[in-house]
Each structure stands twice: as structure tokens, then as C-alpha cells.
Amino acid sequence: MPKLIITGKSGDIQLVAWKTKDVERGDPKALETIKEAERIVEEARQNRVPVFAGYSRTKIEMLRGNKIDPRADVLILRPLGGG
């Protein structure tokens, strides 16, 4: 199940997850979840927050642009700064 993990500066974590099969079937709830995840990624990118995509636990790369890569198993959004 692909997911977007947002880690906060204070250590809090937010999770947005969806089932690939539901997205492929056009399930309205799954498509809405993808739209919300893309909105979060777009907002983060506008604020220069790096977003990383992980693939099958073997490769992690920085996401370019605001669209979610459907091949990614996990997207990690980590705000800059400590805390």
C-alpha cells in the first residue's frame, strides 16, 4: 500500500495512504486521497521542502515536480529545520 509520510519538526508524523488497486479501478475515495497527497506535495515543493520517493525498499530519490510517482512505495516529506 503506497503512502505519503510527513514528518514534522517536532517529531509528529502524518500518514496519507491509498490502495493501488482502488486507484486503478477509479474508486472515488482513493482518487480523492491521491489528490490530497498531491496537494500536500505541491505545497511542500512551493516551500522548498524536499520530498523523497522510495522504491521497493532498495532505492530512494528526490521527487521532482509536484506529481506523485505511482511506482513509488513510499513518499517521505521532511520539513527543513531541526526540532
C-alpha atoms as a PDB file:
ATOM      1  CA  MET A   1       0.000   0.000   0.000  1.00  0.00           C
ATOM      2  CA  PRO A   2       1.691   3.233  -1.132  1.00  0.00           C
ATOM      3  CA  LYS A   3       1.820   6.041   1.389  1.00  0.00           C
ATOM      4  CA  LEU A   4       2.951   9.603   1.941  1.00  0.00           C
ATOM      5  CA  ILE A   5       4.704  10.113   5.269  1.00  0.00           C
ATOM      6  CA  ILE A   6       5.004  13.682   6.540  1.00  0.00           C
ATOM      7  CA  THR A   7       7.412  14.150   9.413  1.00  0.00           C
ATOM      8  CA  GLY A   8       7.061  17.319  11.454  1.00  0.00           C
ATOM      9  CA  LYS A   9       9.783  19.426  13.028  1.00  0.00           C
ATOM     10  CA  SER A  10       8.525  18.440  16.477  1.00  0.00           C
ATOM     11  CA  GLY A  11       8.613  14.719  15.691  1.00  0.00           C
ATOM     12  CA  ASP A  12       4.952  14.305  14.810  1.00  0.00           C
ATOM     13  CA  ILE A  13       4.056  12.117  11.837  1.00  0.00           C
ATOM     14  CA  GLN A  14       1.117  12.337   9.430  1.00  0.00           C
ATOM     15  CA  LEU A  15       0.289   9.465   7.090  1.00  0.00           C
ATOM     16  CA  VAL A  16      -1.729   9.504   3.853  1.00  0.00           C
ATOM     17  CA  ALA A  17      -2.157   6.026   2.315  1.00  0.00           C
ATOM     18  CA  TRP A  18      -4.052   4.519  -0.614  1.00  0.00           C
ATOM     19  CA  LYS A  19      -4.511   1.146  -2.283  1.00  0.00           C
ATOM     20  CA  THR A  20      -3.077   0.970  -5.792  1.00  0.00           C
ATOM     21  CA  LYS A  21      -5.850  -1.346  -6.977  1.00  0.00           C
ATOM     22  CA  ASP A  22      -8.503   1.105  -5.775  1.00  0.00           C
ATOM     23  CA  VAL A  23      -6.815   3.948  -7.668  1.00  0.00           C
ATOM     24  CA  GLU A  24      -6.578   1.796 -10.821  1.00  0.00           C
ATOM     25  CA  ARG A  25     -10.293   0.949 -10.526  1.00  0.00           C
ATOM     26  CA  GLY A  26     -11.128   4.637 -10.227  1.00  0.00           C
ATOM     27  CA  ASP A  27     -12.504   4.377  -6.691  1.00  0.00           C
ATOM     28  CA  PRO A  28     -13.614   7.936  -5.767  1.00  0.00           C
ATOM     29  CA  LYS A  29     -12.239   7.771  -2.212  1.00  0.00           C
ATOM     30  CA  ALA A  30      -8.840   6.521  -3.405  1.00  0.00           C
ATOM     31  CA  LEU A  31      -8.690   9.187  -6.129  1.00  0.00           C
ATOM     32  CA  GLU A  32      -9.545  11.856  -3.553  1.00  0.00           C
ATOM     33  CA  THR A  33      -6.753  10.552  -1.317  1.00  0.00           C
ATOM     34  CA  ILE A  34      -4.285  10.828  -4.223  1.00  0.00           C
ATOM     35  CA  LYS A  35      -5.457  14.407  -4.906  1.00  0.00           C
ATOM     36  CA  GLU A  36      -4.914  15.287  -1.238  1.00  0.00           C
ATOM     37  CA  ALA A  37      -1.441  13.740  -1.254  1.00  0.00           C
ATOM     38  CA  GLU A  38      -0.571  15.664  -4.440  1.00  0.00           C
ATOM     39  CA  ARG A  39      -1.853  18.879  -2.829  1.00  0.00           C
ATOM     40  CA  ILE A  40       0.403  18.270   0.184  1.00  0.00           C
ATOM     41  CA  VAL A  41       3.395  17.557  -2.074  1.00  0.00           C
ATOM     42  CA  GLU A  42       2.718  20.661  -4.178  1.00  0.00           C
ATOM     43  CA  GLU A  43       2.517  22.861  -1.082  1.00  0.00           C
ATOM     44  CA  ALA A  44       5.726  21.357   0.252  1.00  0.00           C
ATOM     45  CA  ARG A  45       7.569  21.881  -3.032  1.00  0.00           C
ATOM     46  CA  GLN A  46       6.407  25.533  -3.133  1.00  0.00           C
ATOM     47  CA  ASN A  47       8.014  25.932   0.298  1.00  0.00           C
ATOM     48  CA  ARG A  48      11.190  24.182  -0.893  1.00  0.00           C
ATOM     49  CA  VAL A  49      10.591  21.168   1.320  1.00  0.00           C
ATOM     50  CA  PRO A  50      12.288  18.069  -0.099  1.00  0.00           C
ATOM     51  CA  VAL A  51      10.128  15.073  -0.953  1.00  0.00           C
ATOM     52  CA  PHE A  52      11.739  11.665  -1.392  1.00  0.00           C
ATOM     53  CA  ALA A  53      10.313   8.631  -3.185  1.00  0.00           C
ATOM     54  CA  GLY A  54      11.223   5.104  -2.115  1.00  0.00           C
ATOM     55  CA  TYR A  55      11.011   2.112  -4.437  1.00  0.00           C
ATOM     56  CA  SER A  56      10.767  -1.482  -3.193  1.00  0.00           C
ATOM     57  CA  ARG A  57      12.995  -0.690  -0.217  1.00  0.00           C
ATOM     58  CA  THR A  58      16.042  -0.577  -2.500  1.00  0.00           C
ATOM     59  CA  LYS A  59      16.179   2.929  -3.931  1.00  0.00           C
ATOM     60  CA  ILE A  60      15.319   6.395  -2.646  1.00  0.00           C
ATOM     61  CA  GLU A  61      15.440   9.503  -4.796  1.00  0.00           C
ATOM     62  CA  MET A  62      14.299  13.086  -4.522  1.00  0.00           C
ATOM     63  CA  LEU A  63      10.943  13.669  -6.181  1.00  0.00           C
ATOM     64  CA  ARG A  64      10.947  16.239  -8.963  1.00  0.00           C
ATOM     65  CA  GLY A  65       7.800  18.252  -9.578  1.00  0.00           C
ATOM     66  CA  ASN A  66       4.501  18.015  -7.745  1.00  0.00           C
ATOM     67  CA  LYS A  67       3.003  14.815  -9.143  1.00  0.00           C
ATOM     68  CA  ILE A  68       3.131  11.620  -7.147  1.00  0.00           C
ATOM     69  CA  ASP A  69       5.057   8.817  -8.824  1.00  0.00           C
ATOM     70  CA  PRO A  70       2.638   5.871  -8.885  1.00  0.00           C
ATOM     71  CA  ARG A  71       5.569   3.426  -8.905  1.00  0.00           C
ATOM     72  CA  ALA A  72       6.796   4.651  -5.515  1.00  0.00           C
ATOM     73  CA  ASP A  73       6.070   2.515  -2.471  1.00  0.00           C
ATOM     74  CA  VAL A  74       6.542   5.424  -0.096  1.00  0.00           C
ATOM     75  CA  LEU A  75       6.897   9.196  -0.337  1.00  0.00           C
ATOM     76  CA  ILE A  76       8.637  10.967   2.534  1.00  0.00           C
ATOM     77  CA  LEU A  77       8.187  14.668   3.127  1.00  0.00           C
ATOM     78  CA  ARG A  78      10.619  16.113   5.645  1.00  0.00           C
ATOM     79  CA  PRO A  79      10.334  19.814   6.530  1.00  0.00           C
ATOM     80  CA  LEU A  80      13.649  21.622   6.772  1.00  0.00           C
ATOM     81  CA  GLY A  81      14.967  22.635  10.154  1.00  0.00           C
ATOM     82  CA  GLY A  82      15.528  20.858  13.405  1.00  0.00           C
ATOM     83  CA  GLY A  83      13.431  20.374  16.407  1.00  0.00           C
END
